[in-house]
């Protein structure tokens, strides 16, 4: 009897396929499994994993022990695959750290990242999340990122009768737009230290 896990295949061809992680998984992202022949005629099987934690607690756990455990799992998967084909070759791992630099970035702020005490109007509340003040500090910390677009998502008005979440979402949107405007003017963003000014 098949069991539905929420895994979705988002791409497939003759050499590879890519799947997304199931809903409710500690990480959001996708894994690409591929096999191809290199210039020497050697068949290379590889797994490329791109993911991020769904929760600050998961992020902390992933940094401490999860990443090492994940590497062990992928190594085991590849060793099992090579053994299946009767090949006894070493498995190599390569970490790639993607740095944004001055590249254009689109920022999507998910309101359920904030604790429900500060953002109750969302469909997936995260108990133990960040405060609204911490969310502001986090957004203002993006001052050196070349943001070209942004949005604020997961606001659920039906669960927000006092409009606490709506106020937070509006403020986050304001902070993000301030970062975009400040970068275009080549000046520090709102909340960042400025040069003293005098009104005449």
N, C-alpha and C. Protein backbone atom coordinates (compact mmCIF):
# COMPACT_ATOMS: atom_id res chain seq x y z
N UNK A 1 0.85 -1.19 0.00
CA UNK A 1 0.00 0.00 0.00
C UNK A 1 0.89 1.25 0.00
N UNK A 2 0.75 2.10 -1.00
CA UNK A 2 1.61 3.30 -1.06
C UNK A 2 1.30 4.27 0.07
N UNK A 3 2.33 4.94 0.56
CA UNK A 3 2.18 5.93 1.62
C UNK A 3 2.50 7.30 1.04
N UNK A 4 1.59 8.24 1.21
CA UNK A 4 1.80 9.58 0.70
C UNK A 4 2.69 10.36 1.66
N UNK A 5 3.79 10.89 1.16
CA UNK A 5 4.72 11.62 2.02
C UNK A 5 4.77 13.11 1.69
N UNK A 6 4.15 13.51 0.60
CA UNK A 6 4.21 14.90 0.21
C UNK A 6 5.40 15.23 -0.65
N UNK A 7 6.25 14.24 -0.99
CA UNK A 7 7.40 14.48 -1.86
C UNK A 7 6.90 14.73 -3.27
N UNK A 8 7.43 15.77 -3.88
CA UNK A 8 6.99 16.11 -5.23
C UNK A 8 8.18 16.13 -6.16
N UNK A 9 8.06 15.42 -7.28
CA UNK A 9 9.10 15.47 -8.31
C UNK A 9 8.85 16.72 -9.13
N UNK A 10 9.83 17.63 -9.15
CA UNK A 10 9.64 18.89 -9.85
C UNK A 10 10.39 18.94 -11.18
N UNK A 11 11.26 17.96 -11.41
CA UNK A 11 11.98 17.91 -12.68
C UNK A 11 12.52 16.51 -12.90
N UNK A 12 12.50 16.06 -14.14
CA UNK A 12 13.08 14.75 -14.47
C UNK A 12 13.48 14.72 -15.94
N UNK A 13 14.63 14.12 -16.23
CA UNK A 13 15.05 13.88 -17.61
C UNK A 13 15.76 12.54 -17.65
N UNK A 14 16.49 12.27 -18.73
CA UNK A 14 17.13 10.97 -18.88
C UNK A 14 18.28 10.75 -17.92
N UNK A 15 18.84 11.82 -17.36
CA UNK A 15 20.01 11.68 -16.51
C UNK A 15 19.77 12.07 -15.06
N UNK A 16 18.67 12.73 -14.75
CA UNK A 16 18.48 13.22 -13.39
C UNK A 16 17.01 13.41 -13.05
N UNK A 17 16.74 13.54 -11.74
CA UNK A 17 15.41 13.95 -11.29
C UNK A 17 15.58 14.74 -10.00
N UNK A 18 14.68 15.65 -9.76
CA UNK A 18 14.74 16.53 -8.60
C UNK A 18 13.45 16.42 -7.80
N UNK A 19 13.58 16.24 -6.49
CA UNK A 19 12.41 16.13 -5.62
C UNK A 19 12.47 17.21 -4.54
N UNK A 20 11.28 17.67 -4.13
CA UNK A 20 11.18 18.62 -3.02
C UNK A 20 10.93 17.85 -1.74
N UNK A 21 11.34 18.42 -0.62
CA UNK A 21 11.11 17.78 0.67
C UNK A 21 9.63 17.82 1.01
N UNK A 22 9.12 16.84 1.78
CA UNK A 22 7.69 16.80 2.09
C UNK A 22 7.27 17.90 3.04
N UNK A 23 5.99 18.22 3.00
CA UNK A 23 5.45 19.23 3.90
C UNK A 23 5.62 18.77 5.34
N UNK A 24 6.03 19.69 6.21
CA UNK A 24 6.25 19.35 7.61
C UNK A 24 7.66 18.88 7.90
N UNK A 25 8.48 18.74 6.87
CA UNK A 25 9.88 18.33 7.06
C UNK A 25 10.65 19.48 7.71
N UNK A 26 11.65 19.17 8.56
CA UNK A 26 12.42 20.25 9.21
C UNK A 26 13.13 21.19 8.24
N UNK A 27 13.31 20.74 6.99
CA UNK A 27 13.99 21.57 6.00
C UNK A 27 13.12 21.76 4.77
N UNK A 28 13.27 22.91 4.14
CA UNK A 28 12.65 23.16 2.85
C UNK A 28 13.75 23.18 1.81
N UNK A 29 13.50 22.54 0.68
CA UNK A 29 14.51 22.55 -0.35
C UNK A 29 14.29 21.42 -1.33
N UNK A 30 15.32 21.11 -2.09
CA UNK A 30 15.19 20.04 -3.06
C UNK A 30 16.50 19.29 -3.19
N UNK A 31 16.37 18.04 -3.62
CA UNK A 31 17.52 17.16 -3.83
C UNK A 31 17.50 16.69 -5.27
N UNK A 32 18.63 16.82 -5.93
CA UNK A 32 18.74 16.37 -7.31
C UNK A 32 19.65 15.14 -7.37
N UNK A 33 19.14 14.07 -7.91
CA UNK A 33 19.87 12.82 -8.09
C UNK A 33 20.20 12.69 -9.57
N UNK A 34 21.46 12.46 -9.90
CA UNK A 34 21.84 12.38 -11.31
C UNK A 34 22.95 11.38 -11.53
N UNK A 35 23.04 10.93 -12.76
CA UNK A 35 24.11 10.02 -13.18
C UNK A 35 24.47 10.36 -14.62
N UNK A 36 25.77 10.42 -14.90
CA UNK A 36 26.20 10.77 -16.25
C UNK A 36 27.59 10.19 -16.49
N UNK A 37 28.01 10.19 -17.73
CA UNK A 37 29.36 9.73 -18.09
C UNK A 37 30.25 10.93 -18.32
N UNK A 38 31.44 10.92 -17.69
CA UNK A 38 32.36 12.03 -17.89
C UNK A 38 33.17 11.83 -19.17
N UNK A 39 34.15 12.69 -19.40
CA UNK A 39 34.91 12.64 -20.65
C UNK A 39 35.72 11.36 -20.81
N UNK A 40 36.02 10.69 -19.68
CA UNK A 40 36.79 9.45 -19.74
C UNK A 40 35.91 8.22 -19.84
N UNK A 41 34.60 8.43 -19.96
CA UNK A 41 33.69 7.30 -20.06
C UNK A 41 33.30 6.70 -18.72
N UNK A 42 33.67 7.36 -17.63
CA UNK A 42 33.35 6.88 -16.29
C UNK A 42 31.97 7.39 -15.88
N UNK A 43 31.15 6.49 -15.35
CA UNK A 43 29.82 6.88 -14.89
C UNK A 43 29.92 7.53 -13.51
N UNK A 44 29.38 8.72 -13.39
CA UNK A 44 29.41 9.47 -12.14
C UNK A 44 27.98 9.61 -11.62
N UNK A 45 27.77 9.18 -10.38
CA UNK A 45 26.47 9.35 -9.72
C UNK A 45 26.64 10.41 -8.64
N UNK A 46 25.70 11.34 -8.56
CA UNK A 46 25.85 12.40 -7.56
C UNK A 46 24.49 12.84 -7.02
N UNK A 47 24.56 13.44 -5.84
CA UNK A 47 23.40 14.02 -5.19
C UNK A 47 23.74 15.46 -4.86
N UNK A 48 22.88 16.37 -5.29
CA UNK A 48 23.03 17.78 -4.96
C UNK A 48 21.85 18.18 -4.08
N UNK A 49 22.16 18.65 -2.89
CA UNK A 49 21.13 19.00 -1.93
C UNK A 49 21.19 20.50 -1.64
N UNK A 50 20.06 21.17 -1.80
CA UNK A 50 19.95 22.59 -1.50
C UNK A 50 18.76 22.77 -0.58
N UNK A 51 19.02 23.20 0.65
CA UNK A 51 17.93 23.28 1.61
C UNK A 51 18.19 24.34 2.66
N UNK A 52 17.14 24.70 3.36
CA UNK A 52 17.25 25.63 4.48
C UNK A 52 16.32 25.14 5.58
N UNK A 53 16.62 25.50 6.81
CA UNK A 53 15.80 25.09 7.94
C UNK A 53 14.47 25.82 7.93
N UNK A 54 13.40 25.13 8.37
CA UNK A 54 12.08 25.73 8.43
C UNK A 54 11.83 26.49 9.72
N UNK A 55 12.74 26.37 10.68
CA UNK A 55 12.50 26.95 11.99
C UNK A 55 13.86 27.31 12.61
N UNK A 56 13.94 28.38 13.39
CA UNK A 56 15.22 28.74 14.01
C UNK A 56 15.82 27.62 14.86
N UNK A 57 14.96 26.85 15.53
CA UNK A 57 15.45 25.74 16.34
C UNK A 57 16.06 24.67 15.45
N UNK A 58 15.39 24.37 14.33
CA UNK A 58 15.94 23.40 13.38
C UNK A 58 17.27 23.89 12.82
N UNK A 59 17.34 25.21 12.56
CA UNK A 59 18.58 25.79 12.02
C UNK A 59 19.74 25.57 12.98
N UNK A 60 19.47 25.81 14.27
CA UNK A 60 20.51 25.61 15.28
C UNK A 60 20.93 24.14 15.33
N UNK A 61 19.92 23.25 15.35
CA UNK A 61 20.23 21.82 15.40
C UNK A 61 20.96 21.35 14.16
N UNK A 62 20.58 21.92 13.00
CA UNK A 62 21.23 21.52 11.76
C UNK A 62 22.69 21.93 11.75
N UNK A 63 22.97 23.12 12.29
CA UNK A 63 24.36 23.59 12.31
C UNK A 63 25.22 22.77 13.27
N UNK A 64 24.62 22.34 14.40
CA UNK A 64 25.40 21.62 15.41
C UNK A 64 25.65 20.18 15.02
N UNK A 65 24.57 19.44 14.69
CA UNK A 65 24.74 18.01 14.40
C UNK A 65 24.11 17.57 13.09
N UNK A 66 23.08 18.30 12.63
CA UNK A 66 22.30 17.83 11.49
C UNK A 66 23.08 17.74 10.21
N UNK A 67 23.93 18.73 9.93
CA UNK A 67 24.67 18.73 8.67
C UNK A 67 25.61 17.53 8.57
N UNK A 68 26.25 17.20 9.68
CA UNK A 68 27.14 16.03 9.70
C UNK A 68 26.36 14.75 9.48
N UNK A 69 25.21 14.66 10.12
CA UNK A 69 24.36 13.47 9.97
C UNK A 69 23.86 13.36 8.53
N UNK A 70 23.51 14.49 7.94
CA UNK A 70 23.03 14.48 6.57
C UNK A 70 24.12 14.02 5.61
N UNK A 71 25.35 14.47 5.85
CA UNK A 71 26.47 14.01 5.02
C UNK A 71 26.65 12.50 5.14
N UNK A 72 26.50 11.97 6.36
CA UNK A 72 26.63 10.53 6.57
C UNK A 72 25.56 9.77 5.78
N UNK A 73 24.34 10.31 5.79
CA UNK A 73 23.23 9.66 5.07
C UNK A 73 23.49 9.64 3.57
N UNK A 74 23.90 10.80 3.00
CA UNK A 74 24.14 10.86 1.57
C UNK A 74 25.31 9.95 1.17
N UNK A 75 26.33 9.88 2.02
CA UNK A 75 27.46 8.98 1.74
C UNK A 75 26.98 7.54 1.70
N UNK A 76 26.13 7.17 2.65
CA UNK A 76 25.59 5.81 2.70
C UNK A 76 24.75 5.52 1.45
N UNK A 77 23.94 6.50 1.03
CA UNK A 77 23.10 6.31 -0.17
C UNK A 77 23.96 6.05 -1.39
N UNK A 78 25.02 6.84 -1.57
CA UNK A 78 25.88 6.67 -2.74
C UNK A 78 26.68 5.37 -2.68
N UNK A 79 27.14 5.01 -1.49
CA UNK A 79 27.87 3.74 -1.35
C UNK A 79 26.96 2.56 -1.66
N UNK A 80 25.71 2.65 -1.22
CA UNK A 80 24.75 1.58 -1.50
C UNK A 80 24.46 1.49 -2.99
N UNK A 81 24.40 2.65 -3.63
CA UNK A 81 24.15 2.67 -5.07
C UNK A 81 25.30 2.05 -5.84
N UNK A 82 26.53 2.43 -5.49
CA UNK A 82 27.69 1.86 -6.19
C UNK A 82 27.81 0.35 -5.92
N UNK A 83 27.51 -0.07 -4.69
CA UNK A 83 27.56 -1.50 -4.36
C UNK A 83 26.53 -2.28 -5.18
N UNK A 84 25.38 -1.66 -5.42
CA UNK A 84 24.33 -2.31 -6.21
C UNK A 84 24.82 -2.63 -7.62
N UNK A 85 25.68 -1.76 -8.15
CA UNK A 85 26.21 -1.96 -9.49
C UNK A 85 27.57 -2.65 -9.47
N UNK A 86 27.97 -3.14 -8.29
CA UNK A 86 29.22 -3.88 -8.19
C UNK A 86 30.46 -3.03 -8.30
N UNK A 87 30.36 -1.77 -7.92
CA UNK A 87 31.49 -0.86 -7.99
C UNK A 87 31.93 -0.50 -6.58
N UNK A 88 33.23 -0.51 -6.35
CA UNK A 88 33.76 -0.15 -5.03
C UNK A 88 34.67 1.06 -5.16
N UNK A 89 34.04 2.21 -5.26
CA UNK A 89 34.79 3.45 -5.42
C UNK A 89 34.49 4.38 -4.26
N UNK A 90 35.45 5.25 -3.89
CA UNK A 90 35.23 6.17 -2.76
C UNK A 90 34.16 7.21 -3.09
N UNK A 91 33.50 7.67 -2.04
CA UNK A 91 32.49 8.72 -2.18
C UNK A 91 33.11 10.03 -1.70
N UNK A 92 33.02 11.05 -2.51
CA UNK A 92 33.57 12.36 -2.13
C UNK A 92 32.44 13.34 -1.84
N UNK A 93 32.68 14.21 -0.88
CA UNK A 93 31.71 15.24 -0.52
C UNK A 93 32.30 16.62 -0.79
N UNK A 94 31.47 17.51 -1.26
CA UNK A 94 31.92 18.88 -1.52
C UNK A 94 30.86 19.84 -1.03
N UNK A 95 31.25 20.73 -0.13
CA UNK A 95 30.33 21.75 0.37
C UNK A 95 30.51 23.02 -0.45
N UNK A 96 29.40 23.58 -0.85
CA UNK A 96 29.42 24.83 -1.60
C UNK A 96 28.63 25.86 -0.81
N UNK A 97 29.31 26.93 -0.41
CA UNK A 97 28.66 28.01 0.33
C UNK A 97 28.32 29.12 -0.65
N UNK A 98 27.04 29.37 -0.82
CA UNK A 98 26.61 30.39 -1.76
C UNK A 98 26.59 31.75 -1.06
N UNK A 99 27.37 32.67 -1.56
CA UNK A 99 27.42 34.01 -1.01
C UNK A 99 26.76 34.97 -2.00
N UNK A 100 25.91 35.82 -1.48
CA UNK A 100 25.13 36.70 -2.34
C UNK A 100 25.99 37.78 -2.95
N UNK A 101 26.88 38.36 -2.13
CA UNK A 101 27.71 39.45 -2.64
C UNK A 101 26.84 40.61 -3.06
N UNK A 102 27.08 41.14 -4.26
CA UNK A 102 26.29 42.26 -4.77
C UNK A 102 25.23 41.79 -5.75
N UNK A 103 24.98 40.49 -5.79
CA UNK A 103 23.96 39.97 -6.69
C UNK A 103 22.58 40.45 -6.26
N UNK A 104 21.67 40.50 -7.19
CA UNK A 104 20.31 40.92 -6.88
C UNK A 104 19.61 39.85 -6.05
N UNK A 105 18.83 40.30 -5.08
CA UNK A 105 18.16 39.36 -4.18
C UNK A 105 16.69 39.73 -4.02
N UNK A 106 15.86 38.70 -3.94
CA UNK A 106 14.43 38.89 -3.66
C UNK A 106 14.19 38.31 -2.27
N UNK A 107 13.62 39.11 -1.37
CA UNK A 107 13.41 38.68 0.01
C UNK A 107 11.93 38.40 0.24
N UNK A 108 11.64 37.21 0.72
CA UNK A 108 10.27 36.84 1.08
C UNK A 108 10.23 36.59 2.59
N UNK A 109 9.47 37.39 3.31
CA UNK A 109 9.39 37.29 4.77
C UNK A 109 8.12 36.53 5.13
N UNK A 110 8.30 35.38 5.78
CA UNK A 110 7.18 34.54 6.21
C UNK A 110 6.81 34.91 7.64
N UNK A 111 5.59 35.41 7.84
CA UNK A 111 5.18 35.90 9.15
C UNK A 111 5.16 34.81 10.20
N UNK A 112 4.95 33.56 9.82
CA UNK A 112 4.90 32.51 10.85
C UNK A 112 6.26 32.21 11.44
N UNK A 113 7.29 32.91 10.97
CA UNK A 113 8.62 32.86 11.57
C UNK A 113 8.59 33.52 12.95
N UNK A 114 7.63 34.43 13.16
CA UNK A 114 7.50 35.17 14.41
C UNK A 114 6.61 34.41 15.38
N UNK A 115 6.91 34.50 16.67
CA UNK A 115 6.13 33.82 17.70
C UNK A 115 4.66 34.26 17.64
N UNK A 116 3.71 33.34 17.84
CA UNK A 116 2.28 33.69 17.76
C UNK A 116 1.84 34.74 18.78
N UNK A 117 2.63 34.97 19.83
CA UNK A 117 2.29 36.05 20.76
C UNK A 117 2.38 37.40 20.06
N UNK A 118 3.21 37.48 19.02
CA UNK A 118 3.40 38.73 18.28
C UNK A 118 2.77 38.67 16.90
N UNK A 119 2.47 37.46 16.41
CA UNK A 119 1.86 37.31 15.08
C UNK A 119 0.90 36.12 15.11
N UNK A 120 -0.26 36.27 15.76
CA UNK A 120 -1.20 35.16 15.84
C UNK A 120 -1.94 34.87 14.54
N UNK A 121 -2.02 35.86 13.67
CA UNK A 121 -2.79 35.70 12.46
C UNK A 121 -2.07 35.03 11.33
N UNK A 122 -1.74 33.76 11.51
CA UNK A 122 -1.07 32.97 10.48
C UNK A 122 -1.56 31.54 10.54
N UNK A 123 -1.49 30.86 9.43
CA UNK A 123 -2.01 29.51 9.37
C UNK A 123 -1.13 28.47 10.02
N UNK A 124 0.18 28.77 10.16
CA UNK A 124 1.11 27.81 10.74
C UNK A 124 1.95 28.49 11.82
N UNK A 125 1.36 28.75 13.00
CA UNK A 125 2.10 29.43 14.07
C UNK A 125 3.27 28.61 14.58
N UNK A 126 4.38 29.29 14.91
CA UNK A 126 5.59 28.64 15.41
C UNK A 126 5.85 29.09 16.84
N UNK A 127 5.45 28.27 17.81
CA UNK A 127 5.66 28.60 19.21
C UNK A 127 7.16 28.64 19.49
N UNK A 128 7.60 29.68 20.21
CA UNK A 128 9.02 29.82 20.47
C UNK A 128 9.75 30.57 19.38
N UNK A 129 8.99 31.20 18.49
CA UNK A 129 9.60 31.95 17.40
C UNK A 129 10.16 33.28 17.87
N UNK A 130 10.58 34.09 16.92
CA UNK A 130 11.19 35.37 17.23
C UNK A 130 10.15 36.39 17.66
N UNK A 131 10.57 37.41 18.40
CA UNK A 131 9.68 38.51 18.75
C UNK A 131 9.61 39.47 17.58
N UNK A 132 8.65 40.40 17.64
CA UNK A 132 8.55 41.39 16.56
C UNK A 132 9.79 42.28 16.52
N UNK A 133 10.35 42.59 17.68
CA UNK A 133 11.56 43.40 17.74
C UNK A 133 12.74 42.66 17.10
N UNK A 134 12.86 41.38 17.39
CA UNK A 134 13.94 40.58 16.81
C UNK A 134 13.77 40.48 15.29
N UNK A 135 12.52 40.42 14.84
CA UNK A 135 12.26 40.37 13.41
C UNK A 135 12.72 41.68 12.74
N UNK A 136 12.46 42.79 13.40
CA UNK A 136 12.92 44.09 12.88
C UNK A 136 14.44 44.14 12.77
N UNK A 137 15.10 43.69 13.82
CA UNK A 137 16.57 43.68 13.83
C UNK A 137 17.10 42.80 12.72
N UNK A 138 16.46 41.66 12.52
CA UNK A 138 16.88 40.74 11.48
C UNK A 138 16.76 41.38 10.10
N UNK A 139 15.63 42.00 9.85
CA UNK A 139 15.41 42.64 8.54
C UNK A 139 16.40 43.78 8.33
N UNK A 140 16.61 44.59 9.36
CA UNK A 140 17.55 45.72 9.23
C UNK A 140 18.97 45.24 9.01
N UNK A 141 19.25 44.01 9.41
CA UNK A 141 20.58 43.44 9.20
C UNK A 141 20.86 43.10 7.75
N UNK A 142 19.86 43.25 6.88
CA UNK A 142 20.04 42.97 5.45
C UNK A 142 20.48 44.21 4.68
N UNK A 143 20.97 45.21 5.39
CA UNK A 143 21.30 46.50 4.78
C UNK A 143 22.31 46.40 3.65
N UNK A 144 23.19 45.40 3.68
CA UNK A 144 24.23 45.30 2.64
C UNK A 144 23.83 44.38 1.50
N UNK A 145 22.60 43.88 1.53
CA UNK A 145 22.12 43.01 0.46
C UNK A 145 21.44 43.85 -0.61
N UNK A 146 21.71 43.54 -1.85
CA UNK A 146 21.12 44.28 -2.97
C UNK A 146 19.70 43.76 -3.24
N UNK A 147 18.76 44.20 -2.42
CA UNK A 147 17.38 43.73 -2.54
C UNK A 147 16.69 44.49 -3.67
N UNK A 148 16.10 43.75 -4.60
CA UNK A 148 15.40 44.37 -5.72
C UNK A 148 13.90 44.13 -5.66
N UNK A 149 13.47 43.28 -4.75
CA UNK A 149 12.05 43.00 -4.60
C UNK A 149 11.81 42.27 -3.29
N UNK A 150 10.57 42.34 -2.80
CA UNK A 150 10.27 41.69 -1.52
C UNK A 150 8.78 41.45 -1.38
N UNK A 151 8.43 40.57 -0.46
CA UNK A 151 7.03 40.38 -0.10
C UNK A 151 6.94 39.88 1.33
N UNK A 152 5.76 39.96 1.90
CA UNK A 152 5.48 39.45 3.24
C UNK A 152 4.31 38.49 3.08
N UNK A 153 4.49 37.25 3.53
CA UNK A 153 3.47 36.22 3.27
C UNK A 153 2.99 35.57 4.56
N UNK A 154 1.93 34.76 4.41
CA UNK A 154 1.33 33.95 5.47
C UNK A 154 0.56 34.77 6.51
N UNK A 155 0.04 35.94 6.13
CA UNK A 155 -0.84 36.69 7.02
C UNK A 155 -2.26 36.19 6.77
N UNK A 156 -2.93 35.76 7.85
CA UNK A 156 -4.26 35.16 7.75
C UNK A 156 -5.24 36.04 8.53
N UNK A 157 -5.93 36.96 7.85
CA UNK A 157 -6.81 37.91 8.54
C UNK A 157 -7.86 37.26 9.43
N UNK A 158 -8.34 36.07 9.07
CA UNK A 158 -9.38 35.41 9.86
C UNK A 158 -8.89 35.07 11.26
N UNK A 159 -7.57 34.90 11.43
CA UNK A 159 -6.99 34.59 12.74
C UNK A 159 -6.38 35.82 13.40
N UNK A 160 -6.67 36.99 12.85
CA UNK A 160 -6.01 38.21 13.32
C UNK A 160 -7.04 39.31 13.62
N UNK A 161 -7.98 39.05 14.55
CA UNK A 161 -9.05 40.02 14.80
C UNK A 161 -8.55 41.36 15.34
N UNK A 162 -7.45 41.34 16.10
CA UNK A 162 -6.92 42.59 16.64
C UNK A 162 -5.92 43.26 15.69
N UNK A 163 -5.67 42.63 14.56
CA UNK A 163 -4.77 43.15 13.52
C UNK A 163 -3.32 43.31 14.00
N UNK A 164 -2.93 42.51 14.99
CA UNK A 164 -1.55 42.54 15.47
C UNK A 164 -0.60 42.08 14.37
N UNK A 165 -0.98 40.99 13.72
CA UNK A 165 -0.13 40.43 12.66
C UNK A 165 -0.07 41.38 11.46
N UNK A 166 -1.19 42.00 11.14
CA UNK A 166 -1.24 42.94 10.02
C UNK A 166 -0.30 44.12 10.26
N UNK A 167 -0.28 44.63 11.50
CA UNK A 167 0.61 45.74 11.83
C UNK A 167 2.07 45.31 11.68
N UNK A 168 2.37 44.10 12.16
CA UNK A 168 3.74 43.60 12.04
C UNK A 168 4.12 43.44 10.57
N UNK A 169 3.24 42.84 9.78
CA UNK A 169 3.52 42.63 8.36
C UNK A 169 3.74 43.95 7.64
N UNK A 170 2.92 44.95 7.97
CA UNK A 170 3.07 46.27 7.35
C UNK A 170 4.41 46.89 7.73
N UNK A 171 4.82 46.71 9.00
CA UNK A 171 6.08 47.27 9.43
C UNK A 171 7.26 46.58 8.76
N UNK A 172 7.18 45.26 8.63
CA UNK A 172 8.25 44.52 7.96
C UNK A 172 8.36 44.96 6.50
N UNK A 173 7.22 45.12 5.85
CA UNK A 173 7.22 45.58 4.46
C UNK A 173 7.86 46.97 4.37
N UNK A 174 7.52 47.83 5.34
CA UNK A 174 8.11 49.17 5.38
C UNK A 174 9.62 49.10 5.55
N UNK A 175 10.09 48.21 6.45
CA UNK A 175 11.53 48.07 6.69
C UNK A 175 12.24 47.59 5.42
N UNK A 176 11.64 46.63 4.72
CA UNK A 176 12.24 46.11 3.51
C UNK A 176 12.29 47.17 2.41
N UNK A 177 11.19 47.92 2.26
CA UNK A 177 11.17 48.98 1.26
C UNK A 177 12.16 50.09 1.61
N UNK A 178 12.34 50.32 2.92
CA UNK A 178 13.33 51.32 3.36
C UNK A 178 14.74 50.89 2.95
N UNK A 179 15.01 49.59 3.06
CA UNK A 179 16.33 49.08 2.66
C UNK A 179 16.56 49.30 1.17
N UNK A 180 15.52 49.03 0.37
CA UNK A 180 15.64 49.21 -1.08
C UNK A 180 15.86 50.68 -1.41
N UNK A 181 15.05 51.55 -0.79
CA UNK A 181 15.16 52.99 -1.06
C UNK A 181 16.50 53.54 -0.61
N UNK A 182 16.96 53.10 0.58
CA UNK A 182 18.22 53.61 1.11
C UNK A 182 19.39 53.19 0.23
N UNK A 183 19.33 51.97 -0.30
CA UNK A 183 20.43 51.52 -1.16
C UNK A 183 20.45 52.31 -2.46
N UNK A 184 19.27 52.65 -2.97
CA UNK A 184 19.22 53.43 -4.20
C UNK A 184 19.77 54.84 -3.98
N UNK A 185 19.60 55.35 -2.77
CA UNK A 185 20.14 56.68 -2.46
C UNK A 185 21.58 56.60 -1.96
N UNK A 186 22.05 55.34 -1.78
CA UNK A 186 23.41 55.11 -1.28
C UNK A 186 23.59 55.72 0.09
N UNK A 187 22.55 55.55 0.94
CA UNK A 187 22.61 56.04 2.30
C UNK A 187 22.21 54.91 3.24
N UNK A 188 22.59 54.98 4.53
CA UNK A 188 22.17 53.96 5.48
C UNK A 188 20.66 53.87 5.57
N UNK A 189 20.15 52.66 5.83
CA UNK A 189 18.72 52.44 5.92
C UNK A 189 18.16 52.90 7.25
N UNK A 190 16.83 52.94 7.35
CA UNK A 190 16.15 53.29 8.59
C UNK A 190 16.60 52.36 9.70
N UNK A 191 16.90 52.92 10.85
CA UNK A 191 17.33 52.10 11.97
C UNK A 191 18.82 51.90 12.03
N UNK A 192 19.52 52.30 10.97
CA UNK A 192 20.98 52.17 10.93
C UNK A 192 21.57 53.54 11.25
N UNK A 193 22.73 53.57 11.92
CA UNK A 193 23.32 54.83 12.31
C UNK A 193 23.54 55.75 11.10
N UNK A 194 23.21 57.02 11.27
CA UNK A 194 23.34 58.00 10.21
C UNK A 194 24.33 59.10 10.62
N UNK A 195 24.75 59.86 9.67
CA UNK A 195 25.58 61.02 9.96
C UNK A 195 24.69 62.09 10.60
N UNK A 196 25.18 62.80 11.60
CA UNK A 196 24.35 63.84 12.22
C UNK A 196 23.99 64.92 11.20
N UNK A 197 22.77 65.43 11.32
CA UNK A 197 22.32 66.48 10.42
C UNK A 197 21.76 67.64 11.22
N UNK A 198 21.75 68.80 10.63
CA UNK A 198 21.25 70.01 11.28
C UNK A 198 20.20 70.65 10.37
N UNK A 199 19.05 70.97 10.96
CA UNK A 199 18.01 71.65 10.18
C UNK A 199 18.19 73.16 10.30
N UNK A 200 18.03 73.84 9.19
CA UNK A 200 18.15 75.29 9.19
C UNK A 200 16.78 75.93 9.06
